[in-house]
Amino acid sequence: MPFAVYVLGLAVFAQGTSEFMLSGLLSGIAADLGVSLSAAGLLTSAFAVGMVVGAPVMALAGRTWPRRRALLLFLAVFVAVHAVGALTPSYEVLLATRFVGALANAGFWAVALSTAVAMVPDRLKGRAAAVVVGGVTVACVVGVPAGAVLGERWGWRSAFWAVAIVSLPAFLAVLRSIPGGRSATDAGAASVSVRDELRVLTGPRLRPVLLTMALVQGATFCTFSYLEPLLTRESGLGAGWVPVALALFGAGAFAGVTVAGRYADAHPVAVVATGMAALTVGWSALALTAGSPVLALVLVPLLGLLAFGTGTALITRVLGLAPGAPTLAGASSTTAFNLGATVGPWAGGLALDAGFGHRAPVGVSALLMVAALLVAATTAKSRRPRAGERRLSGTRL
């Protein structure tokens, strides 16, 4: 695996810490800025909205740029908005910085995924994507719990400063490791028209996969965004256990990405189907047993493994189905991933505001997984060939 692929994973680690660290900081932000817990949760949704909008827009805007220039620009903007977010006393300004930071993060994600996959042969594309996504899981293991510790000891603003500082080594690593000129892959991507790429992405094979990805990630982030109040107010754990639980989730996520990177290239459908079924059972189990701190701490890493393993396999599936969309394939994966991260916390916040209790987001996660299974089952049924068609073709469609 080229060293530059791991550099991209390092940069994604810094940005992933920012995307997910609010799950351990919500109560502090709400108290400091004088807003409700659900309003603080919308900061996660604002970031996800920026990712949804920014992935295709930034990918298209930078499709003619050398990849190193695009990656460095996105990282520079990301650092700047975190400094502003750490200084502002305004909820509205903080909300805006989350959106702008997400635009930069989305652009980086889209370019990084395409760059990593372009650097390796077909048999390693799943592993290259797993390394990039693995930066997010390392963020869950190290960055997010560290952010929770910083928030508890020195306030939530210290976590924002830490993200800005950690991003600087990633900036230097990209500067030194990613080639500066335009590669043959860049030229080939630019030669494909946007219309042709959109035709691939909106085709009948990709649409259900992208929708399934959005639903799976919606289930993940619905609960993850409200994990801190779930554990402290429902499971009865002290605040000091929150970083531990976040680290357990991240460790499970890292294991899931590692396993998916190894097997998703050869068995993408089996990995996705197994993961989705297990997630449906897992979120339902957590909703029923969240009152037990022991069971909650057991289920958290298992659900991290399943959620990110399934998500990585879905990304690999999209990239494999969209070779005719070299610029927008990574962007579409990023958009679907973060569309779920937008809808999930929003739906969880609605359930909280409706008075259903702190287990409500977990119940919503289970319902979203049921919807994902229905989409997958309906798609599989619609594509199942008739007996006569099977005999004529001699193969499965």
Protein backbone atom coordinates (compact mmCIF):
# COMPACT_ATOMS: atom_id res chain seq x y z
CA MET A 1 0.00 0.00 0.00
CA PRO A 2 1.54 3.38 -0.95
CA PHE A 3 2.59 5.54 2.00
CA ALA A 4 0.51 8.44 0.64
CA VAL A 5 -2.67 6.42 1.26
CA TYR A 6 -1.82 6.30 4.98
CA VAL A 7 -1.14 10.05 4.91
CA LEU A 8 -4.68 10.59 3.66
CA GLY A 9 -5.92 8.41 6.52
CA LEU A 10 -3.99 10.64 8.96
CA ALA A 11 -5.69 13.76 7.61
CA VAL A 12 -9.09 12.09 7.81
CA PHE A 13 -8.29 11.23 11.45
CA ALA A 14 -7.98 14.93 12.32
CA GLN A 15 -11.18 15.80 10.49
CA GLY A 16 -13.07 12.78 11.81
CA THR A 17 -12.25 13.86 15.35
CA SER A 18 -14.07 17.12 14.67
CA GLU A 19 -17.04 15.44 13.04
CA PHE A 20 -17.74 13.05 15.91
CA MET A 21 -16.32 14.70 19.03
CA LEU A 22 -19.54 16.59 19.78
CA SER A 23 -21.08 13.35 21.04
CA GLY A 24 -19.00 13.83 24.21
CA LEU A 25 -19.40 17.61 24.42
CA LEU A 26 -23.12 18.24 23.93
CA SER A 27 -24.00 18.97 27.54
CA GLY A 28 -21.10 21.41 27.96
CA ILE A 29 -21.89 23.27 24.74
CA ALA A 30 -25.60 23.50 25.59
CA ALA A 31 -24.87 24.88 29.06
CA ASP A 32 -22.19 27.35 27.89
CA LEU A 33 -24.17 28.78 24.97
CA GLY A 34 -27.57 28.66 26.68
CA VAL A 35 -29.29 26.32 24.20
CA SER A 36 -31.20 23.06 24.53
CA LEU A 37 -29.60 19.64 24.22
CA SER A 38 -31.40 19.03 20.92
CA ALA A 39 -30.15 22.41 19.59
CA ALA A 40 -26.61 21.40 20.50
CA GLY A 41 -27.24 18.14 18.66
CA LEU A 42 -28.03 20.17 15.53
CA LEU A 43 -24.35 21.16 15.42
CA THR A 44 -23.71 17.57 14.35
CA SER A 45 -26.46 17.84 11.75
CA ALA A 46 -25.05 21.15 10.47
CA PHE A 47 -21.71 19.47 9.91
CA ALA A 48 -23.41 16.60 8.12
CA VAL A 49 -25.45 18.99 5.92
CA GLY A 50 -22.21 20.69 4.91
CA MET A 51 -20.77 17.31 4.03
CA VAL A 52 -23.83 16.39 1.95
CA VAL A 53 -23.76 19.68 0.02
CA GLY A 54 -20.00 20.00 -0.11
CA ALA A 55 -19.04 16.55 -1.39
CA PRO A 56 -20.35 16.94 -4.96
CA VAL A 57 -19.88 20.73 -5.13
CA MET A 58 -16.28 20.69 -3.91
CA ALA A 59 -15.42 17.63 -6.00
CA LEU A 60 -16.70 19.32 -9.15
CA ALA A 61 -15.06 22.64 -8.29
CA GLY A 62 -11.71 20.94 -7.84
CA ARG A 63 -11.91 18.35 -10.63
CA THR A 64 -9.40 20.30 -12.78
CA TRP A 65 -7.02 21.06 -9.87
CA PRO A 66 -3.96 18.99 -9.03
CA ARG A 67 -5.00 16.79 -6.14
CA ARG A 68 -2.37 18.06 -3.72
CA ARG A 69 -3.51 21.66 -4.21
CA ALA A 70 -7.15 20.72 -3.58
CA LEU A 71 -6.31 18.69 -0.47
CA LEU A 72 -4.15 21.47 1.02
CA LEU A 73 -6.77 24.15 0.38
CA PHE A 74 -9.49 22.10 2.05
CA LEU A 75 -7.26 21.42 5.07
CA ALA A 76 -6.34 25.10 5.44
CA VAL A 77 -9.99 26.16 5.53
CA PHE A 78 -10.74 23.38 8.00
CA VAL A 79 -8.09 24.64 10.44
CA ALA A 80 -9.24 28.27 10.14
CA VAL A 81 -12.90 27.62 10.93
CA HIS A 82 -12.02 25.57 14.00
CA ALA A 83 -10.03 28.47 15.39
CA VAL A 84 -13.07 30.71 14.86
CA GLY A 85 -15.36 28.13 16.47
CA ALA A 86 -13.12 27.91 19.52
CA LEU A 87 -13.28 31.69 20.02
CA THR A 88 -16.92 32.54 19.32
CA PRO A 89 -19.48 33.10 22.13
CA SER A 90 -22.35 32.76 19.63
CA TYR A 91 -24.30 29.57 18.93
CA GLU A 92 -25.20 30.90 15.46
CA VAL A 93 -21.55 31.56 14.57
CA LEU A 94 -20.54 28.14 15.88
CA LEU A 95 -23.30 26.59 13.75
CA ALA A 96 -21.96 28.45 10.69
CA THR A 97 -18.37 27.32 11.34
CA ARG A 98 -19.55 23.72 11.56
CA PHE A 99 -21.18 24.06 8.14
CA VAL A 100 -18.17 25.72 6.49
CA GLY A 101 -15.77 23.27 8.11
CA ALA A 102 -17.89 20.44 6.76
CA LEU A 103 -17.70 21.88 3.24
CA ALA A 104 -13.91 21.71 3.48
CA ASN A 105 -14.02 18.26 5.03
CA ALA A 106 -16.37 17.03 2.29
CA GLY A 107 -14.07 18.28 -0.43
CA PHE A 108 -11.11 16.60 1.23
CA TRP A 109 -13.01 13.33 1.68
CA ALA A 110 -14.14 13.20 -1.93
CA VAL A 111 -10.67 13.91 -3.32
CA ALA A 112 -8.94 11.65 -0.77
CA LEU A 113 -11.11 8.63 -1.58
CA SER A 114 -10.60 9.05 -5.32
CA THR A 115 -6.87 9.62 -4.84
CA ALA A 116 -6.39 6.58 -2.61
CA VAL A 117 -8.32 4.23 -4.90
CA ALA A 118 -6.48 5.54 -7.98
CA MET A 119 -3.11 4.72 -6.38
CA VAL A 120 -3.69 0.96 -6.10
CA PRO A 121 -4.67 -1.96 -8.37
CA ASP A 122 -8.24 -3.22 -8.45
CA ARG A 123 -7.60 -6.01 -5.96
CA LEU A 124 -6.55 -3.44 -3.31
CA LYS A 125 -9.19 -0.77 -3.83
CA GLY A 126 -11.29 -1.96 -0.89
CA ARG A 127 -8.26 -1.88 1.39
CA ALA A 128 -7.28 1.60 0.19
CA ALA A 129 -10.79 2.87 0.94
CA ALA A 130 -10.61 1.14 4.32
CA VAL A 131 -7.37 2.97 5.19
CA VAL A 132 -9.00 6.33 4.46
CA VAL A 133 -12.17 5.44 6.37
CA GLY A 134 -9.93 3.97 9.05
CA GLY A 135 -8.83 7.50 9.88
CA VAL A 136 -12.35 8.10 11.13
CA THR A 137 -12.29 5.00 13.31
CA VAL A 138 -8.94 5.98 14.83
CA ALA A 139 -10.55 9.33 15.56
CA CYS A 140 -13.28 7.46 17.42
CA VAL A 141 -10.70 5.44 19.38
CA VAL A 142 -8.30 8.28 20.23
CA GLY A 143 -9.53 11.69 19.09
CA VAL A 144 -13.15 11.63 20.25
CA PRO A 145 -12.44 10.28 23.77
CA ALA A 146 -9.54 12.74 24.07
CA GLY A 147 -11.90 15.54 23.06
CA ALA A 148 -14.34 14.40 25.75
CA VAL A 149 -11.55 14.46 28.36
CA LEU A 150 -10.44 17.93 27.25
CA GLY A 151 -14.04 19.14 27.36
CA GLU A 152 -14.54 17.81 30.85
CA ARG A 153 -11.33 19.34 32.21
CA TRP A 154 -10.89 22.59 30.27
CA GLY A 155 -14.18 23.13 28.49
CA TRP A 156 -15.44 22.21 25.04
CA ARG A 157 -13.45 24.99 23.35
CA SER A 158 -10.18 23.24 24.17
CA ALA A 159 -11.31 20.31 22.00
CA PHE A 160 -11.78 22.66 19.03
CA TRP A 161 -8.27 24.07 19.51
CA ALA A 162 -6.89 20.53 19.70
CA VAL A 163 -8.48 19.62 16.33
CA ALA A 164 -6.92 22.69 14.69
CA ILE A 165 -3.49 21.83 16.11
CA VAL A 166 -3.66 18.15 15.17
CA SER A 167 -4.58 19.11 11.59
CA LEU A 168 -1.26 20.91 11.07
CA PRO A 169 0.92 17.73 10.89
CA ALA A 170 -1.61 16.30 8.42
CA PHE A 171 -1.22 19.43 6.29
CA LEU A 172 2.57 19.01 6.22
CA ALA A 173 2.30 15.28 5.49
CA VAL A 174 0.01 15.89 2.49
CA LEU A 175 2.38 18.62 1.28
CA ARG A 176 5.33 16.23 1.32
CA SER A 177 3.68 12.95 0.23
CA ILE A 178 1.06 13.69 -2.43
CA PRO A 179 2.46 14.48 -5.92
CA GLY A 180 2.04 18.13 -6.87
CA GLY A 181 1.35 17.87 -10.59
CA ARG A 182 -1.68 16.53 -12.44
CA SER A 183 -1.50 12.78 -12.97
CA ALA A 184 -2.80 10.75 -15.87
CA THR A 185 -5.69 9.76 -13.61
CA ASP A 186 -6.52 13.43 -13.04
CA ALA A 187 -6.51 14.08 -16.77
CA GLY A 188 -8.70 11.05 -17.39
CA ALA A 189 -11.18 12.16 -14.75
CA ALA A 190 -11.38 15.65 -16.24
CA SER A 191 -12.02 14.18 -19.70
CA VAL A 192 -15.22 12.49 -18.50
CA SER A 193 -18.14 14.90 -18.74
CA VAL A 194 -20.16 15.76 -15.65
CA ARG A 195 -23.29 14.60 -17.46
CA ASP A 196 -21.79 11.16 -18.05
CA GLU A 197 -20.77 10.87 -14.39
CA LEU A 198 -24.24 11.88 -13.22
CA ARG A 199 -25.78 9.31 -15.56
CA VAL A 200 -23.72 6.60 -13.86
CA LEU A 201 -24.58 7.80 -10.35
CA THR A 202 -28.31 8.06 -10.99
CA GLY A 203 -28.53 4.65 -12.66
CA PRO A 204 -30.72 1.85 -11.24
CA ARG A 205 -27.77 -0.10 -9.84
CA LEU A 206 -26.36 2.70 -7.67
CA ARG A 207 -29.47 4.47 -6.38
CA PRO A 208 -30.57 1.75 -3.94
CA VAL A 209 -27.00 1.22 -2.70
CA LEU A 210 -26.65 4.94 -1.92
CA LEU A 211 -30.05 5.03 -0.21
CA THR A 212 -29.13 1.97 1.85
CA MET A 213 -25.87 3.64 2.88
CA ALA A 214 -27.72 6.77 3.98
CA LEU A 215 -30.15 4.74 6.12
CA VAL A 216 -27.38 2.66 7.72
CA GLN A 217 -25.36 5.76 8.60
CA GLY A 218 -28.50 7.52 9.80
CA ALA A 219 -29.01 4.69 12.28
CA THR A 220 -25.38 4.94 13.42
CA PHE A 221 -25.31 8.68 13.99
CA CYS A 222 -28.79 8.86 15.46
CA THR A 223 -27.57 7.01 18.54
CA PHE A 224 -23.92 8.09 18.44
CA SER A 225 -24.84 11.79 18.58
CA TYR A 226 -26.75 11.25 21.82
CA LEU A 227 -24.52 8.58 23.34
CA GLU A 228 -23.34 10.80 26.20
CA PRO A 229 -26.82 11.57 27.60
CA LEU A 230 -27.90 7.96 26.99
CA LEU A 231 -25.05 6.59 29.09
CA THR A 232 -25.12 9.19 31.86
CA ARG A 233 -28.90 9.65 32.22
CA GLU A 234 -30.24 6.22 31.23
CA SER A 235 -27.47 3.71 31.94
CA GLY A 236 -26.44 5.51 35.13
CA LEU A 237 -22.73 5.80 34.25
CA GLY A 238 -20.69 8.73 35.51
CA ALA A 239 -19.30 11.36 33.17
CA GLY A 240 -15.86 9.77 33.43
CA TRP A 241 -17.18 6.68 31.65
CA VAL A 242 -18.15 8.62 28.53
CA PRO A 243 -14.59 8.77 27.07
CA VAL A 244 -14.24 5.05 27.83
CA ALA A 245 -17.47 4.24 25.98
CA LEU A 246 -16.45 6.41 23.03
CA ALA A 247 -13.08 4.67 22.90
CA LEU A 248 -14.83 1.27 22.97
CA PHE A 249 -17.08 2.34 20.09
CA GLY A 250 -14.05 3.54 18.15
CA ALA A 251 -12.11 0.34 18.83
CA GLY A 252 -15.01 -1.66 17.50
CA ALA A 253 -15.25 0.65 14.49
CA PHE A 254 -11.55 0.19 13.74
CA ALA A 255 -11.94 -3.58 13.89
CA GLY A 256 -14.97 -3.38 11.60
CA VAL A 257 -13.16 -1.29 8.99
CA THR A 258 -10.18 -3.66 9.11
CA VAL A 259 -12.35 -6.74 8.56
CA ALA A 260 -14.40 -5.05 5.83
CA GLY A 261 -11.26 -3.88 4.04
CA ARG A 262 -10.05 -7.47 3.90
CA TYR A 263 -13.27 -9.13 2.73
CA ALA A 264 -15.41 -6.46 1.04
CA ASP A 265 -13.57 -6.66 -2.30
CA ALA A 266 -14.30 -10.37 -2.65
CA HIS A 267 -17.68 -10.62 -0.88
CA PRO A 268 -19.28 -7.14 -0.78
CA VAL A 269 -22.92 -8.30 -0.83
CA ALA A 270 -22.42 -10.90 1.90
CA VAL A 271 -20.59 -8.44 4.17
CA VAL A 272 -23.28 -5.79 3.71
CA ALA A 273 -26.23 -8.17 4.19
CA THR A 274 -24.77 -9.77 7.31
CA GLY A 275 -23.83 -6.41 8.81
CA MET A 276 -27.25 -4.88 8.19
CA ALA A 277 -29.13 -7.78 9.77
CA ALA A 278 -26.83 -7.76 12.80
CA LEU A 279 -27.16 -3.98 13.20
CA THR A 280 -30.95 -4.22 13.26
CA VAL A 281 -30.74 -6.73 16.09
CA GLY A 282 -27.99 -4.77 17.86
CA TRP A 283 -29.75 -1.38 17.95
CA SER A 284 -32.94 -3.09 19.12
CA ALA A 285 -31.02 -4.84 21.89
CA LEU A 286 -29.42 -1.59 23.07
CA ALA A 287 -32.80 0.14 23.14
CA LEU A 288 -34.12 -2.62 25.41
CA THR A 289 -31.07 -3.00 27.69
CA ALA A 290 -29.67 0.57 27.92
CA GLY A 291 -30.65 0.67 31.59
CA SER A 292 -27.90 -1.84 32.32
CA PRO A 293 -24.45 -0.19 32.30
CA VAL A 294 -22.68 -3.52 31.75
CA LEU A 295 -24.79 -4.49 28.76
CA ALA A 296 -24.53 -0.99 27.32
CA LEU A 297 -20.73 -1.11 27.49
CA VAL A 298 -20.73 -4.54 25.86
CA LEU A 299 -23.02 -3.51 23.00
CA VAL A 300 -21.31 -0.18 22.22
CA PRO A 301 -18.09 -1.64 20.71
CA LEU A 302 -20.02 -4.40 18.93
CA LEU A 303 -22.26 -1.83 17.29
CA GLY A 304 -19.22 0.26 16.33
CA LEU A 305 -17.74 -2.78 14.61
CA LEU A 306 -20.93 -3.56 12.71
CA ALA A 307 -21.73 0.05 11.77
CA PHE A 308 -18.35 0.97 10.33
CA GLY A 309 -17.67 -2.44 8.84
CA THR A 310 -20.97 -2.28 6.96
CA GLY A 311 -20.38 1.35 5.99
CA THR A 312 -16.94 0.56 4.57
CA ALA A 313 -18.33 -2.36 2.56
CA LEU A 314 -21.02 -0.07 1.15
CA ILE A 315 -18.40 2.52 0.11
CA THR A 316 -16.41 -0.22 -1.61
CA ARG A 317 -19.59 -1.36 -3.35
CA VAL A 318 -20.31 2.16 -4.67
CA LEU A 319 -16.75 2.64 -5.94
CA GLY A 320 -16.88 -0.75 -7.65
CA LEU A 321 -20.19 0.03 -9.36
CA ALA A 322 -19.14 3.50 -10.56
CA PRO A 323 -15.88 3.25 -12.55
CA GLY A 324 -17.44 5.64 -15.09
CA ALA A 325 -17.68 8.41 -12.47
CA PRO A 326 -14.05 8.98 -11.43
CA THR A 327 -14.73 12.41 -9.88
CA LEU A 328 -18.14 11.92 -8.32
CA ALA A 329 -17.97 8.30 -7.12
CA GLY A 330 -16.15 9.28 -3.93
CA ALA A 331 -18.35 12.36 -3.60
CA SER A 332 -21.55 10.31 -3.86
CA SER A 333 -20.32 7.96 -1.12
CA THR A 334 -19.50 10.95 1.08
CA THR A 335 -22.90 12.50 0.37
CA ALA A 336 -24.83 9.32 1.21
CA PHE A 337 -22.71 8.74 4.32
CA ASN A 338 -23.41 12.23 5.62
CA LEU A 339 -27.02 12.40 4.49
CA GLY A 340 -27.51 9.69 7.07
CA ALA A 341 -25.48 11.70 9.58
CA THR A 342 -27.83 14.63 8.95
CA VAL A 343 -31.13 12.79 9.21
CA GLY A 344 -30.06 10.57 12.11
CA PRO A 345 -29.35 13.24 14.78
CA TRP A 346 -32.33 15.27 13.57
CA ALA A 347 -34.67 12.29 13.96
CA GLY A 348 -33.14 11.44 17.33
CA GLY A 349 -33.64 15.04 18.47
CA LEU A 350 -37.29 14.92 17.43
CA ALA A 351 -37.78 11.77 19.49
CA LEU A 352 -36.12 13.41 22.49
CA ASP A 353 -38.18 16.59 22.20
CA ALA A 354 -41.35 14.49 21.94
CA GLY A 355 -40.65 13.21 25.44
CA PHE A 356 -39.89 9.58 24.63
CA GLY A 357 -36.80 9.54 26.84
CA HIS A 358 -33.10 9.11 26.26
CA ARG A 359 -33.52 5.62 24.78
CA ALA A 360 -35.63 7.07 21.97
CA PRO A 361 -32.72 7.75 19.55
CA VAL A 362 -31.69 4.09 19.83
CA GLY A 363 -35.21 3.03 18.91
CA VAL A 364 -35.09 5.35 15.91
CA SER A 365 -31.79 3.71 14.88
CA ALA A 366 -33.48 0.31 14.91
CA LEU A 367 -36.33 1.64 12.75
CA LEU A 368 -33.88 3.14 10.25
CA MET A 369 -32.17 -0.23 9.94
CA VAL A 370 -35.52 -1.89 9.28
CA ALA A 371 -36.05 0.63 6.47
CA ALA A 372 -32.57 -0.17 5.09
CA LEU A 373 -33.35 -3.88 5.07
CA LEU A 374 -36.63 -3.23 3.26
CA VAL A 375 -34.84 -1.20 0.57
CA ALA A 376 -32.24 -3.93 0.11
CA ALA A 377 -34.86 -6.69 0.04
CA THR A 378 -37.07 -4.83 -2.44
CA THR A 379 -34.10 -4.14 -4.71
CA ALA A 380 -32.95 -7.76 -4.61
CA LYS A 381 -36.46 -9.00 -5.39
CA SER A 382 -36.87 -6.60 -8.34
CA ARG A 383 -33.58 -7.79 -9.84
CA ARG A 384 -34.21 -11.50 -9.37
CA PRO A 385 -34.39 -13.03 -12.86
CA ARG A 386 -37.26 -15.25 -13.87
CA ALA A 387 -36.58 -18.94 -14.41
CA GLY A 388 -36.79 -18.61 -18.20
CA GLU A 389 -34.45 -15.66 -18.22
CA ARG A 390 -31.96 -17.57 -16.11
CA ARG A 391 -31.96 -20.48 -18.58
CA LEU A 392 -31.51 -18.17 -21.54
CA SER A 393 -28.62 -16.25 -20.04
CA GLY A 394 -26.97 -19.20 -18.38
CA THR A 395 -25.85 -16.97 -15.51
CA ARG A 396 -27.34 -15.05 -12.63
CA LEU A 397 -28.07 -11.42 -13.35
